[in-house]
Amino acid sequence: MLAIFESILPIFLIIVLGNLLRRTSITSDDGWRGLEQVSYWVLYPTLLFATIIHADFSGLRLDAMLIALLATIAIMAVLVLGSWPLWRPSGAATPGEFSSMFQSALRWNGFIALAVAQKLFPPAASAVVALAMAVIIIPLNVMSVAVVARFGSRDADWGKVMRATATNPLIVGVAAGIILRFLPGGLYDPLDEAIGLIASAAIGMGLISVGAGLRPADMFRPRLAIWFPVVLKLAVLPAILCLIGYGLGVRGPELVYLVLCGAVPTAMNGYMLARQLGGDAEFYAAVTTLQTVLAVLTMPAALAIATQLSSG
C-alpha cells in the first residue's frame, strides 16, 4: 500500500499546487475559467481520443467491466434516493443539500483516474478509464439533472440537457477514437504526433484545474450530511464495484483498473449543475473538497485491496 501511496502522491501534489496558484495573483478568475474551458473542450477530448486509438483491448473483458460499472451506478442511485425518508423528517439535510449528496456520491473524477492509470499501470488501464468515462457520462448526467431538478428550486430544460449530453466533448473524443480504429490506414504520422503533444498537456493542466476548483475552507463542516456522500463515494461504491466485477469474472489487473474507476473522488462539474437548478452548490463544493483530500489515503487502500483480491 505504501508503494501505491507514494506513486499516487505526486498527482495530489499537483492538485495542491493548483489550489495554491488559485490563491495568488498569477492570473485572474477569467484566466482560470479560460483554462477550464480549454481543458474541457480541447485537452480532455484529445487525451481520450489519443488513448482510445492507441489502446490494446485484446484480452480485456470490457463487457463485464462496463456492466459492473452501470450496475454499481444503479445500486448507488437507489441507495442514496432510498435514504431521503431518513433525512427529511430530522431536517439533517435540506432538499438542495440532498440533491448535492446524490451527485457527489455518484459522479467521479475521470481525470484523476486517468492520471493514476498513466502513472501506475500499462496503457490498457487508461483505455478502460476512457471507455468507462464515455459509457457512464450519459446515465450519470441524466440522473443528476433529474434529481437536482426534483429537489432543487428550478426546473430543467430537458431539450438543452440532451443536446449538451449528445455534444459532450468527452463523448465525442471517445467516439471519434473508436470510429478511427475501424478505418483503414490510421492517422497521418505528423498529425498523430501533434495530437500526442496536446494530449500530454491534458493531465497536468487538468489536475491543476481540479485543485483550483477546491475550497478547503468549506470542508470543515462536521455534519453527518457531508460525511454520508464521502463514505458512499470513497468506500461503499468501490466495494460494490469490486464485488460485482469479481462476480462477473473480472480478474487480475482488470479488476484493479475497474476499482480505480470507482475509487476516485467526485468531479467538480456537479457544482455548476447545482447552481443552475437551485441545488446547494456550496454543499457540493464542501463534499468534493473533503473527498479529494481523503482520497489520497482511500485510493491506495482500495487499489491495494483490489490487487490482493485479483491475485488471490
Protein backbone atom coordinates (compact mmCIF):
# COMPACT_ATOMS: atom_id res chain seq x y z
CA MET A 1 0.00 0.00 0.00
CA LEU A 2 2.88 2.38 0.77
CA ALA A 3 4.25 1.94 -2.75
CA ILE A 4 0.83 2.76 -4.23
CA PHE A 5 0.51 5.79 -1.94
CA GLU A 6 3.92 7.12 -2.99
CA SER A 7 3.04 6.60 -6.65
CA ILE A 8 -0.26 8.48 -6.31
CA LEU A 9 1.11 11.27 -4.09
CA PRO A 10 2.63 13.34 -6.97
CA ILE A 11 -0.81 13.54 -8.56
CA PHE A 12 -2.31 15.03 -5.42
CA LEU A 13 0.66 17.36 -5.01
CA ILE A 14 -0.20 18.84 -8.42
CA ILE A 15 -3.79 19.28 -7.22
CA VAL A 16 -2.46 21.12 -4.15
CA LEU A 17 -0.33 23.27 -6.44
CA GLY A 18 -3.44 24.21 -8.41
CA ASN A 19 -5.19 25.31 -5.24
CA LEU A 20 -2.18 27.36 -4.12
CA LEU A 21 -1.87 29.03 -7.52
CA ARG A 22 -5.57 29.96 -7.41
CA ARG A 23 -4.87 31.91 -4.21
CA THR A 24 -2.17 34.03 -5.86
CA SER A 25 -2.50 36.90 -8.31
CA ILE A 26 -0.75 34.94 -11.07
CA THR A 27 -3.95 35.11 -13.11
CA SER A 28 -7.50 36.40 -12.76
CA ASP A 29 -10.69 34.42 -12.29
CA ASP A 30 -11.30 34.88 -16.01
CA GLY A 31 -7.92 33.27 -16.67
CA TRP A 32 -8.85 30.23 -14.60
CA ARG A 33 -12.19 29.95 -16.37
CA GLY A 34 -10.34 30.10 -19.68
CA LEU A 35 -8.06 27.26 -18.57
CA GLU A 36 -11.10 25.20 -17.59
CA GLN A 37 -12.71 25.82 -20.98
CA VAL A 38 -9.56 24.92 -22.95
CA SER A 39 -9.14 21.78 -20.86
CA TYR A 40 -12.77 20.72 -21.27
CA TRP A 41 -13.15 21.45 -24.99
CA VAL A 42 -9.64 20.67 -26.28
CA LEU A 43 -7.23 18.94 -23.91
CA TYR A 44 -9.51 16.33 -22.32
CA PRO A 45 -11.20 15.07 -25.51
CA THR A 46 -7.84 14.97 -27.29
CA LEU A 47 -6.40 12.87 -24.46
CA LEU A 48 -9.32 10.45 -24.63
CA PHE A 49 -9.08 10.27 -28.42
CA ALA A 50 -5.34 9.52 -28.30
CA THR A 51 -5.84 6.95 -25.54
CA ILE A 52 -8.51 5.06 -27.48
CA ILE A 53 -6.74 4.98 -30.86
CA HIS A 54 -3.52 3.60 -29.36
CA ALA A 55 -5.10 1.22 -26.83
CA ASP A 56 -4.71 -2.53 -26.96
CA PHE A 57 -8.03 -4.01 -25.87
CA SER A 58 -7.09 -7.61 -26.57
CA GLY A 59 -7.75 -9.88 -23.61
CA LEU A 60 -9.80 -7.31 -21.69
CA ARG A 61 -13.27 -8.29 -20.50
CA LEU A 62 -14.76 -4.93 -21.39
CA ASP A 63 -18.34 -6.21 -21.46
CA ALA A 64 -18.22 -7.46 -17.87
CA MET A 65 -16.39 -4.35 -16.68
CA LEU A 66 -18.87 -1.92 -18.23
CA ILE A 67 -21.84 -3.95 -16.95
CA ALA A 68 -20.31 -3.83 -13.46
CA LEU A 69 -19.96 -0.04 -13.70
CA LEU A 70 -23.54 0.52 -14.84
CA ALA A 71 -24.93 -1.89 -12.25
CA THR A 72 -22.97 -0.16 -9.49
CA ILE A 73 -24.28 3.25 -10.52
CA ALA A 74 -27.85 1.92 -10.46
CA ILE A 75 -27.38 0.39 -7.00
CA MET A 76 -25.81 3.58 -5.64
CA ALA A 77 -28.63 5.70 -7.06
CA VAL A 78 -31.24 3.51 -5.36
CA LEU A 79 -29.24 3.54 -2.11
CA VAL A 80 -28.95 7.34 -1.98
CA LEU A 81 -32.53 8.05 -3.07
CA GLY A 82 -33.79 5.48 -0.59
CA SER A 83 -32.12 7.42 2.24
CA TRP A 84 -34.19 10.58 1.66
CA PRO A 85 -37.02 9.50 4.04
CA LEU A 86 -34.35 9.27 6.77
CA TRP A 87 -33.02 12.78 6.16
CA ARG A 88 -36.32 14.60 5.59
CA PRO A 89 -38.05 14.15 9.00
CA SER A 90 -34.96 15.07 11.02
CA GLY A 91 -34.11 18.14 8.95
CA ALA A 92 -30.50 16.94 8.85
CA ALA A 93 -30.37 17.79 5.14
CA THR A 94 -32.39 20.23 3.06
CA PRO A 95 -33.74 19.14 -0.35
CA GLY A 96 -31.00 21.18 -2.04
CA GLU A 97 -28.31 19.54 0.08
CA PHE A 98 -29.76 16.11 -0.64
CA SER A 99 -29.51 16.73 -4.39
CA SER A 100 -25.81 17.50 -3.90
CA MET A 101 -25.43 14.38 -1.77
CA PHE A 102 -26.78 12.36 -4.69
CA GLN A 103 -24.45 13.96 -7.22
CA SER A 104 -21.32 13.75 -5.09
CA ALA A 105 -21.96 10.09 -4.19
CA LEU A 106 -22.19 9.03 -7.86
CA ARG A 107 -20.10 11.37 -10.00
CA TRP A 108 -16.41 10.56 -10.42
CA ASN A 109 -13.33 12.47 -11.49
CA GLY A 110 -12.16 10.59 -14.56
CA PHE A 111 -9.08 12.73 -14.98
CA ILE A 112 -7.68 11.80 -11.60
CA ALA A 113 -8.36 8.19 -12.66
CA LEU A 114 -6.52 8.76 -15.96
CA ALA A 115 -3.58 10.35 -14.16
CA VAL A 116 -3.30 7.38 -11.78
CA ALA A 117 -3.74 4.91 -14.65
CA GLN A 118 -0.90 6.50 -16.62
CA LYS A 119 1.33 6.64 -13.53
CA LEU A 120 0.79 3.13 -12.16
CA PHE A 121 -0.44 0.85 -14.92
CA PRO A 122 0.10 -0.15 -18.57
CA PRO A 123 -1.82 1.66 -21.36
CA ALA A 124 -4.74 -0.77 -21.08
CA ALA A 125 -5.73 0.87 -17.79
CA SER A 126 -6.05 4.29 -19.41
CA ALA A 127 -8.16 2.76 -22.18
CA VAL A 128 -10.51 1.20 -19.62
CA VAL A 129 -10.89 4.54 -17.82
CA ALA A 130 -11.53 6.38 -21.10
CA LEU A 131 -14.22 3.90 -22.16
CA ALA A 132 -15.78 3.99 -18.71
CA MET A 133 -15.99 7.78 -18.88
CA ALA A 134 -17.78 7.66 -22.22
CA VAL A 135 -20.24 4.95 -21.17
CA ILE A 136 -21.36 6.41 -17.83
CA ILE A 137 -21.40 10.12 -18.72
CA ILE A 138 -24.90 9.85 -20.22
CA PRO A 139 -26.69 7.97 -17.40
CA LEU A 140 -24.88 10.00 -14.73
CA ASN A 141 -25.80 13.31 -16.33
CA VAL A 142 -29.43 12.35 -16.90
CA MET A 143 -29.87 11.03 -13.34
CA SER A 144 -28.10 14.04 -11.82
CA VAL A 145 -30.23 16.54 -13.72
CA ALA A 146 -33.43 14.66 -12.81
CA VAL A 147 -32.57 14.54 -9.10
CA VAL A 148 -31.34 18.13 -8.83
CA ALA A 149 -34.40 19.36 -10.75
CA ARG A 150 -36.65 17.36 -8.41
CA PHE A 151 -35.06 18.56 -5.17
CA GLY A 152 -33.75 21.95 -6.32
CA SER A 153 -35.68 25.17 -6.82
CA ARG A 154 -35.73 25.30 -10.64
CA ASP A 155 -36.94 23.03 -13.44
CA ALA A 156 -34.60 21.50 -16.01
CA ASP A 157 -34.70 22.25 -19.73
CA TRP A 158 -34.54 18.63 -20.92
CA GLY A 159 -34.05 19.56 -24.55
CA LYS A 160 -30.98 21.56 -23.60
CA VAL A 161 -29.76 18.74 -21.36
CA MET A 162 -29.99 16.18 -24.16
CA ARG A 163 -28.26 18.46 -26.66
CA ALA A 164 -25.45 19.14 -24.20
CA THR A 165 -25.06 15.42 -23.49
CA ALA A 166 -25.02 14.49 -27.18
CA THR A 167 -22.36 17.10 -27.93
CA ASN A 168 -20.31 16.47 -24.77
CA PRO A 169 -16.68 16.77 -25.97
CA LEU A 170 -15.60 13.81 -23.85
CA ILE A 171 -18.13 11.53 -25.53
CA VAL A 172 -17.19 12.96 -28.93
CA GLY A 173 -13.47 12.34 -28.27
CA VAL A 174 -14.01 8.70 -27.31
CA ALA A 175 -16.48 8.09 -30.16
CA ALA A 176 -14.07 9.58 -32.71
CA GLY A 177 -11.29 7.35 -31.39
CA ILE A 178 -13.45 4.23 -31.64
CA ILE A 179 -14.53 5.11 -35.20
CA LEU A 180 -10.93 5.72 -36.28
CA ARG A 181 -9.92 2.27 -35.02
CA PHE A 182 -12.23 0.73 -37.62
CA LEU A 183 -10.97 2.86 -40.51
CA PRO A 184 -8.05 1.66 -42.66
CA GLY A 185 -4.75 3.50 -42.65
CA GLY A 186 -4.91 5.23 -39.29
CA LEU A 187 -3.72 8.76 -38.65
CA TYR A 188 -1.10 10.63 -40.67
CA ASP A 189 2.06 10.36 -38.53
CA PRO A 190 2.72 14.12 -38.06
CA LEU A 191 -0.94 14.61 -37.10
CA ASP A 192 -0.70 11.71 -34.66
CA GLU A 193 2.37 13.30 -33.07
CA ALA A 194 0.61 16.67 -32.80
CA ILE A 195 -2.36 15.04 -31.10
CA GLY A 196 0.02 13.26 -28.73
CA LEU A 197 1.65 16.56 -27.76
CA ILE A 198 -1.72 18.12 -26.98
CA ALA A 199 -2.79 15.04 -25.02
CA SER A 200 0.39 15.12 -22.95
CA ALA A 201 -0.60 18.55 -21.61
CA ALA A 202 -4.06 17.41 -20.53
CA ILE A 203 -3.22 15.54 -17.32
CA GLY A 204 -1.06 18.25 -15.74
CA MET A 205 -3.39 21.09 -16.69
CA GLY A 206 -6.42 19.05 -15.68
CA LEU A 207 -5.03 18.32 -12.21
CA ILE A 208 -4.16 21.99 -11.71
CA SER A 209 -7.74 22.87 -12.69
CA VAL A 210 -9.08 20.32 -10.20
CA GLY A 211 -7.02 21.91 -7.44
CA ALA A 212 -8.04 25.42 -8.42
CA GLY A 213 -11.70 24.49 -8.03
CA LEU A 214 -11.39 23.12 -4.49
CA ARG A 215 -12.40 25.13 -1.43
CA PRO A 216 -10.54 23.87 1.65
CA ALA A 217 -12.30 26.32 3.97
CA ASP A 218 -15.66 24.74 3.10
CA MET A 219 -14.76 21.22 4.15
CA PHE A 220 -14.55 21.92 7.88
CA ARG A 221 -18.27 21.49 8.40
CA PRO A 222 -18.59 18.41 10.66
CA ARG A 223 -22.10 17.36 9.67
CA LEU A 224 -23.39 13.86 9.03
CA ALA A 225 -24.94 15.06 5.77
CA ILE A 226 -21.47 15.93 4.43
CA TRP A 227 -19.84 12.71 5.58
CA PHE A 228 -22.60 10.49 4.13
CA PRO A 229 -21.67 11.02 0.43
CA VAL A 230 -17.97 10.96 1.33
CA VAL A 231 -18.22 7.47 2.81
CA LEU A 232 -20.50 6.29 0.00
CA LYS A 233 -18.20 7.52 -2.76
CA LEU A 234 -14.80 6.58 -1.33
CA ALA A 235 -15.69 3.30 0.40
CA VAL A 236 -19.10 1.86 -0.49
CA LEU A 237 -19.05 2.49 -4.26
CA PRO A 238 -15.61 0.93 -4.93
CA ALA A 239 -16.51 -2.02 -2.70
CA ILE A 240 -19.76 -2.68 -4.61
CA LEU A 241 -17.98 -2.24 -7.93
CA CYS A 242 -15.24 -4.66 -6.91
CA LEU A 243 -17.71 -7.31 -5.75
CA ILE A 244 -19.88 -7.07 -8.86
CA GLY A 245 -16.84 -7.14 -11.14
CA TYR A 246 -15.44 -10.15 -9.31
CA GLY A 247 -18.81 -11.86 -9.51
CA LEU A 248 -18.88 -11.29 -13.28
CA GLY A 249 -15.50 -12.95 -13.66
CA VAL A 250 -13.24 -9.89 -13.85
CA ARG A 251 -9.84 -10.94 -12.53
CA GLY A 252 -6.20 -9.88 -12.45
CA PRO A 253 -5.17 -6.34 -13.40
CA GLU A 254 -8.59 -5.72 -14.98
CA LEU A 255 -10.21 -5.84 -11.54
CA VAL A 256 -7.75 -3.23 -10.29
CA TYR A 257 -8.47 -0.98 -13.29
CA LEU A 258 -12.18 -1.33 -12.56
CA VAL A 259 -11.79 -0.43 -8.89
CA LEU A 260 -9.69 2.58 -9.89
CA CYS A 261 -12.72 3.97 -11.75
CA GLY A 262 -14.79 3.75 -8.58
CA ALA A 263 -12.19 4.83 -6.02
CA VAL A 264 -11.58 8.38 -7.30
CA PRO A 265 -13.35 11.35 -5.67
CA THR A 266 -16.29 13.13 -7.24
CA ALA A 267 -15.90 15.71 -10.00
CA MET A 268 -16.44 19.44 -9.65
CA ASN A 269 -18.75 19.68 -12.68
CA GLY A 270 -21.73 18.92 -10.45
CA TYR A 271 -21.17 22.30 -8.79
CA MET A 272 -22.36 24.17 -11.88
CA LEU A 273 -25.41 21.93 -12.22
CA ALA A 274 -26.33 22.60 -8.60
CA ARG A 275 -26.09 26.35 -9.22
CA GLN A 276 -28.14 26.21 -12.42
CA LEU A 277 -31.03 24.17 -11.00
CA GLY A 278 -31.18 25.57 -7.49
CA GLY A 279 -29.36 22.81 -5.65
CA ASP A 280 -26.87 23.51 -2.87
CA ALA A 281 -23.66 24.34 -4.75
CA GLU A 282 -21.68 25.28 -1.63
CA PHE A 283 -22.55 21.96 -0.01
CA TYR A 284 -21.38 20.19 -3.17
CA ALA A 285 -18.08 22.11 -3.11
CA ALA A 286 -17.51 21.15 0.53
CA VAL A 287 -18.13 17.45 -0.17
CA THR A 288 -15.91 17.49 -3.27
CA THR A 289 -13.05 19.10 -1.38
CA LEU A 290 -13.30 16.67 1.53
CA GLN A 291 -13.45 13.67 -0.82
CA THR A 292 -10.41 14.85 -2.77
CA VAL A 293 -8.37 15.37 0.40
CA LEU A 294 -9.28 11.97 1.83
CA ALA A 295 -8.82 10.17 -1.49
CA VAL A 296 -5.05 10.46 -1.14
CA LEU A 297 -5.43 7.79 1.58
CA THR A 298 -8.53 5.87 0.49
CA MET A 299 -7.44 5.32 -3.12
CA PRO A 300 -4.21 3.47 -2.22
CA ALA A 301 -6.20 1.35 0.23
CA ALA A 302 -8.84 0.47 -2.38
CA LEU A 303 -6.23 -0.36 -5.03
CA ALA A 304 -4.20 -2.44 -2.56
CA ILE A 305 -7.28 -4.46 -1.58
CA ALA A 306 -8.23 -4.96 -5.24
CA THR A 307 -4.67 -6.06 -6.03
CA GLN A 308 -4.78 -8.65 -3.24
CA LEU A 309 -8.19 -9.90 -4.35
CA SER A 310 -7.19 -10.06 -8.01
CA SER A 311 -4.12 -12.14 -7.25
CA GLY A 312 -5.91 -14.48 -4.88
